[in-house]
Amino acid sequence: AGVCFEDKQFPKTNSFIDGERQPLADVEEFCGRIKAGKDAQTDPDFSLVARVEALIAGWGMDEALRRAEAYHKAGADAILIHSKLSRPDEVLQFAREWAGRSPVVIVP
């Protein structure tokens, strides 16, 4: 079992609605949510996945990697990366640059 936390601000906007802003949560605040989730975890087989929306929001690869690293250090068991592109280029680049620091879940 597990849960996926998404780093968008509330209220969430669908990632594929053209022209919509995609505001992201503050990194420190989001890391606090991850830490709180891990602190409350009672089942060692439960996974917390941190969903990085920097590519969707147009913030670029460097920001996606920076956020993923912070979320990993905060205790996320895996990183979910998402792209709007119809080709796998961005998510494959992320996976290469992430270099196996933790499991990666990819949304095509």
Protein backbone atom coordinates (compact mmCIF):
# COMPACT_ATOMS: atom_id res chain seq x y z
CA ALA A 1 0.00 0.00 0.00
CA GLY A 2 1.05 3.58 -0.35
CA VAL A 3 0.16 7.19 -0.97
CA CYS A 4 1.28 9.77 -3.51
CA PHE A 5 1.69 13.39 -2.41
CA GLU A 6 1.62 15.96 -5.24
CA ASP A 7 3.59 19.19 -4.92
CA LYS A 8 0.94 21.50 -6.37
CA GLN A 9 -0.76 24.17 -4.33
CA PHE A 10 -4.39 23.71 -3.31
CA PRO A 11 -6.73 23.78 -5.12
CA LYS A 12 -5.13 21.42 -7.63
CA THR A 13 -5.47 22.19 -11.33
CA ASN A 14 -5.49 19.36 -13.87
CA SER A 15 -2.05 19.10 -15.48
CA PHE A 16 -3.41 18.99 -19.03
CA ILE A 17 -5.69 22.05 -19.04
CA ASP A 18 -4.03 24.47 -21.45
CA GLY A 19 -3.47 27.99 -20.25
CA GLU A 20 -3.97 27.16 -16.58
CA ARG A 21 -1.35 28.20 -14.06
CA GLN A 22 0.26 25.31 -12.24
CA PRO A 23 1.38 26.83 -8.91
CA LEU A 24 3.66 24.57 -6.91
CA ALA A 25 3.98 24.19 -3.15
CA ASP A 26 6.91 25.68 -1.31
CA VAL A 27 9.67 23.03 -1.14
CA GLU A 28 10.22 23.34 2.63
CA GLU A 29 6.49 23.13 3.33
CA PHE A 30 6.12 20.09 1.08
CA CYS A 31 9.11 18.41 2.74
CA GLY A 32 7.35 18.97 6.07
CA ARG A 33 4.33 17.07 4.74
CA ILE A 34 6.56 14.20 3.65
CA LYS A 35 8.28 14.09 7.04
CA ALA A 36 4.91 14.16 8.84
CA GLY A 37 3.66 11.30 6.68
CA LYS A 38 6.76 9.22 7.35
CA ASP A 39 6.63 10.00 11.08
CA ALA A 40 3.03 8.74 11.19
CA GLN A 41 3.82 5.57 9.22
CA THR A 42 3.22 2.38 11.19
CA ASP A 43 3.55 -0.24 8.43
CA PRO A 44 7.09 -0.75 7.08
CA ASP A 45 5.60 -1.93 3.77
CA PHE A 46 3.76 1.37 3.21
CA SER A 47 5.32 3.66 0.59
CA LEU A 48 5.17 7.42 0.29
CA VAL A 49 5.68 8.66 -3.27
CA ALA A 50 6.44 12.34 -3.90
CA ARG A 51 5.04 13.62 -7.19
CA VAL A 52 7.20 16.33 -8.77
CA GLU A 53 5.21 18.67 -11.03
CA ALA A 54 8.03 21.07 -12.00
CA LEU A 55 8.07 19.92 -15.63
CA ILE A 56 4.28 20.29 -15.89
CA ALA A 57 4.49 23.79 -14.41
CA GLY A 58 7.20 24.79 -16.90
CA TRP A 59 9.88 25.24 -14.23
CA GLY A 60 12.42 23.02 -16.02
CA MET A 61 14.64 20.04 -15.36
CA ASP A 62 16.95 21.70 -12.83
CA GLU A 63 13.98 22.59 -10.63
CA ALA A 64 12.50 19.10 -11.02
CA LEU A 65 15.79 17.56 -9.87
CA ARG A 66 16.18 20.07 -7.01
CA ARG A 67 12.69 19.28 -5.74
CA ALA A 68 13.18 15.53 -6.14
CA GLU A 69 16.40 15.67 -4.11
CA ALA A 70 14.72 17.64 -1.32
CA TYR A 71 11.76 15.24 -1.24
CA HIS A 72 14.08 12.23 -1.22
CA LYS A 73 16.06 13.70 1.70
CA ALA A 74 12.76 14.39 3.52
CA GLY A 75 11.97 10.67 3.40
CA ALA A 76 10.00 9.99 0.19
CA ASP A 77 10.34 6.34 -0.80
CA ALA A 78 10.03 7.11 -4.52
CA ILE A 79 9.75 10.08 -6.87
CA LEU A 80 7.00 10.38 -9.47
CA ILE A 81 7.88 12.57 -12.45
CA HIS A 82 5.30 13.84 -14.91
CA SER A 83 5.62 15.54 -18.31
CA LYS A 84 3.16 17.10 -20.76
CA LEU A 85 5.21 16.00 -23.75
CA SER A 86 3.89 13.24 -25.97
CA ARG A 87 7.47 11.93 -26.29
CA PRO A 88 9.39 10.36 -23.38
CA ASP A 89 12.38 12.73 -23.69
CA GLU A 90 11.88 14.72 -20.46
CA VAL A 91 11.08 11.80 -18.20
CA LEU A 92 13.97 9.75 -19.61
CA GLN A 93 16.34 12.68 -19.10
CA PHE A 94 15.09 13.01 -15.53
CA ALA A 95 15.66 9.30 -14.91
CA ARG A 96 19.21 9.52 -16.31
CA GLU A 97 20.11 12.57 -14.23
CA TRP A 98 18.41 11.18 -11.13
CA ALA A 99 20.75 8.18 -11.49
CA GLY A 100 18.89 5.72 -9.29
CA ARG A 101 18.99 7.71 -6.03
CA SER A 102 15.55 6.24 -5.31
CA PRO A 103 12.86 4.50 -7.36
CA VAL A 104 11.24 6.65 -10.06
CA VAL A 105 7.61 6.38 -11.15
CA ILE A 106 6.97 7.83 -14.60
CA VAL A 107 3.71 9.28 -15.89
CA PRO A 108 3.90 9.30 -19.68
